[in-house]
Amino acid sequence: MGESDATRRGFLNWFLGTSVGALCVSVLYPVARYISPPEVPEAETARVTAGREGDLRPGEAKIFRFGNTPGILIRTPEGNHRAFSATCTHLNCTVQFRGDLKQIWCACHNGFYDTSGQVVSGPPPRPLEEYAVNVAGGEIVVSRK
């Protein structure tokens, strides 16, 4: 066994090793692409029906889906409907309405908004995004402003 046998053996080992590696990659890559499909952007929702006109009494609220994000519909003590994004502007937690305080509350870091979406206290840096509310045919329709 001379020097040329050792280099042949080394070349064959390298060639077989890379061939097995290429085979594994060529099998695993399509499987991995199938398991994690590409993200398809969701069409942006412009308007949704958030409920029926008699669903909420004054001073109550409910969470509804606005596309792929939550929204909050509030009926003020005066009887008006207001809608906002239910995503806190601090760290994207979902807010809820506290009827006892008549404020929108983020439980993550104790942030408060008033019923017009403005920051009252806590860490939120800006107001909630407000949506337009229309009542038509007994349905409450919420749309982007």
Protein backbone atom coordinates (compact mmCIF):
# COMPACT_ATOMS: atom_id res chain seq x y z
CA MET A 1 0.00 0.00 0.00
CA GLY A 2 1.61 3.12 -1.16
CA GLU A 3 0.94 6.81 -1.03
CA SER A 4 -1.52 6.67 -3.95
CA ASP A 5 -3.75 4.08 -2.16
CA ALA A 6 -4.09 6.36 0.85
CA THR A 7 -5.13 9.32 -1.29
CA ARG A 8 -7.57 7.17 -3.26
CA ARG A 9 -9.10 5.89 -0.03
CA GLY A 10 -9.30 9.43 1.34
CA PHE A 11 -10.95 10.67 -1.85
CA LEU A 12 -13.48 7.80 -1.85
CA ASN A 13 -14.30 8.39 1.83
CA TRP A 14 -14.77 12.11 1.17
CA PHE A 15 -16.88 11.42 -1.94
CA LEU A 16 -19.13 8.86 -0.20
CA GLY A 17 -19.50 11.12 2.86
CA THR A 18 -20.54 14.13 0.80
CA SER A 19 -22.86 11.96 -1.30
CA VAL A 20 -24.65 10.71 1.82
CA GLY A 21 -24.83 14.30 3.12
CA ALA A 22 -26.27 15.53 -0.19
CA LEU A 23 -28.83 12.68 -0.17
CA CYS A 24 -29.94 13.61 3.35
CA VAL A 25 -30.27 17.28 2.43
CA SER A 26 -32.19 16.48 -0.76
CA VAL A 27 -34.68 14.37 1.23
CA LEU A 28 -34.98 16.56 4.36
CA TYR A 29 -35.27 19.96 2.64
CA PRO A 30 -38.60 19.24 0.87
CA VAL A 31 -39.96 17.66 4.06
CA ALA A 32 -38.98 20.73 6.08
CA ARG A 33 -40.57 23.06 3.49
CA TYR A 34 -43.78 21.00 3.58
CA ILE A 35 -43.96 21.07 7.39
CA SER A 36 -43.47 24.87 7.58
CA PRO A 37 -45.38 26.39 4.65
CA PRO A 38 -44.64 29.97 3.62
CA GLU A 39 -46.58 32.75 5.32
CA VAL A 40 -49.44 34.06 3.25
CA PRO A 41 -50.29 37.62 4.17
CA GLU A 42 -53.85 37.94 5.39
CA ALA A 43 -56.01 40.42 3.57
CA GLU A 44 -56.55 43.45 5.76
CA THR A 45 -60.07 43.61 7.12
CA ALA A 46 -61.80 46.92 6.56
CA ARG A 47 -65.12 46.28 8.33
CA VAL A 48 -66.79 43.65 10.51
CA THR A 49 -70.09 43.12 12.24
CA ALA A 50 -69.27 43.32 15.95
CA GLY A 51 -72.71 42.40 17.25
CA ARG A 52 -76.40 43.25 17.39
CA GLU A 53 -77.76 46.53 18.67
CA GLY A 54 -79.23 45.11 21.89
CA ASP A 55 -76.22 42.97 22.85
CA LEU A 56 -74.69 45.51 25.24
CA ARG A 57 -76.24 47.53 28.02
CA PRO A 58 -74.77 50.95 28.87
CA GLY A 59 -71.46 50.51 30.70
CA GLU A 60 -70.71 47.10 29.11
CA ALA A 61 -68.17 45.97 26.54
CA LYS A 62 -67.22 42.94 24.49
CA ILE A 63 -64.20 41.71 22.58
CA PHE A 64 -64.65 40.92 18.88
CA ARG A 65 -62.39 39.79 16.04
CA PHE A 66 -61.26 42.49 13.63
CA GLY A 67 -59.39 40.48 11.01
CA ASN A 68 -56.55 38.74 12.80
CA THR A 69 -56.51 41.13 15.77
CA PRO A 70 -58.95 41.67 18.64
CA GLY A 71 -61.16 44.71 18.92
CA ILE A 72 -63.21 46.00 21.84
CA LEU A 73 -66.72 47.40 21.51
CA ILE A 74 -67.93 49.59 24.37
CA ARG A 75 -71.35 51.00 25.07
CA THR A 76 -70.79 54.14 27.08
CA PRO A 77 -73.05 55.05 30.02
CA GLU A 78 -74.67 57.62 27.68
CA GLY A 79 -75.61 54.76 25.31
CA ASN A 80 -73.12 55.49 22.49
CA HIS A 81 -71.06 52.72 20.89
CA ARG A 82 -67.28 53.12 20.63
CA ALA A 83 -64.80 50.64 19.20
CA PHE A 84 -61.04 50.39 19.53
CA SER A 85 -58.22 48.00 18.84
CA ALA A 86 -58.04 45.69 21.87
CA THR A 87 -54.26 45.49 21.57
CA CYS A 88 -52.41 47.50 24.22
CA THR A 89 -49.95 49.98 22.74
CA HIS A 90 -47.33 49.01 25.34
CA LEU A 91 -46.60 45.32 24.73
CA ASN A 92 -49.53 44.12 22.57
CA CYS A 93 -51.50 42.46 25.38
CA THR A 94 -55.26 42.23 24.96
CA VAL A 95 -57.11 44.88 26.95
CA GLN A 96 -60.46 44.48 28.70
CA PHE A 97 -63.17 46.81 29.91
CA ARG A 98 -63.53 47.40 33.65
CA GLY A 99 -67.14 48.40 34.18
CA ASP A 100 -66.53 49.19 37.86
CA LEU A 101 -63.94 51.83 36.87
CA LYS A 102 -65.51 52.73 33.51
CA GLN A 103 -62.07 52.35 31.92
CA ILE A 104 -60.23 50.03 29.55
CA TRP A 105 -57.58 48.08 31.43
CA CYS A 106 -54.46 46.21 30.34
CA ALA A 107 -53.72 43.52 32.90
CA CYS A 108 -50.11 42.96 31.76
CA HIS A 109 -48.67 46.12 33.32
CA ASN A 110 -51.73 47.81 34.84
CA GLY A 111 -52.25 50.36 32.06
CA PHE A 112 -55.54 52.26 31.87
CA TYR A 113 -57.34 53.99 28.99
CA ASP A 114 -60.52 56.03 29.19
CA THR A 115 -63.61 55.28 27.07
CA SER A 116 -62.24 57.50 24.31
CA GLY A 117 -59.07 55.35 24.06
CA GLN A 118 -56.74 57.94 25.63
CA VAL A 119 -54.06 56.84 28.10
CA VAL A 120 -55.06 57.54 31.71
CA SER A 121 -52.18 55.88 33.56
CA GLY A 122 -49.54 53.20 33.29
CA PRO A 123 -46.89 52.41 30.70
CA PRO A 124 -48.87 52.60 27.39
CA PRO A 125 -47.08 55.19 25.21
CA ARG A 126 -50.02 56.17 22.99
CA PRO A 127 -53.83 55.87 22.75
CA LEU A 128 -55.68 52.87 21.36
CA GLU A 129 -56.51 52.89 17.65
CA GLU A 130 -60.13 53.97 17.32
CA TYR A 131 -62.53 52.45 14.82
CA ALA A 132 -65.66 53.95 13.27
CA VAL A 133 -68.95 52.50 14.55
CA ASN A 134 -72.20 52.51 12.57
CA VAL A 135 -75.51 50.94 13.53
CA ALA A 136 -77.41 49.75 10.47
CA GLY A 137 -80.35 47.37 10.37
CA GLY A 138 -79.90 46.41 14.01
CA GLU A 139 -76.26 45.39 13.48
CA ILE A 140 -73.22 47.17 14.86
CA VAL A 141 -70.70 47.55 12.03
CA VAL A 142 -67.13 48.50 12.91
CA SER A 143 -64.71 49.79 10.28
CA ARG A 144 -61.33 51.45 10.09
CA LYS A 145 -61.38 55.24 10.14
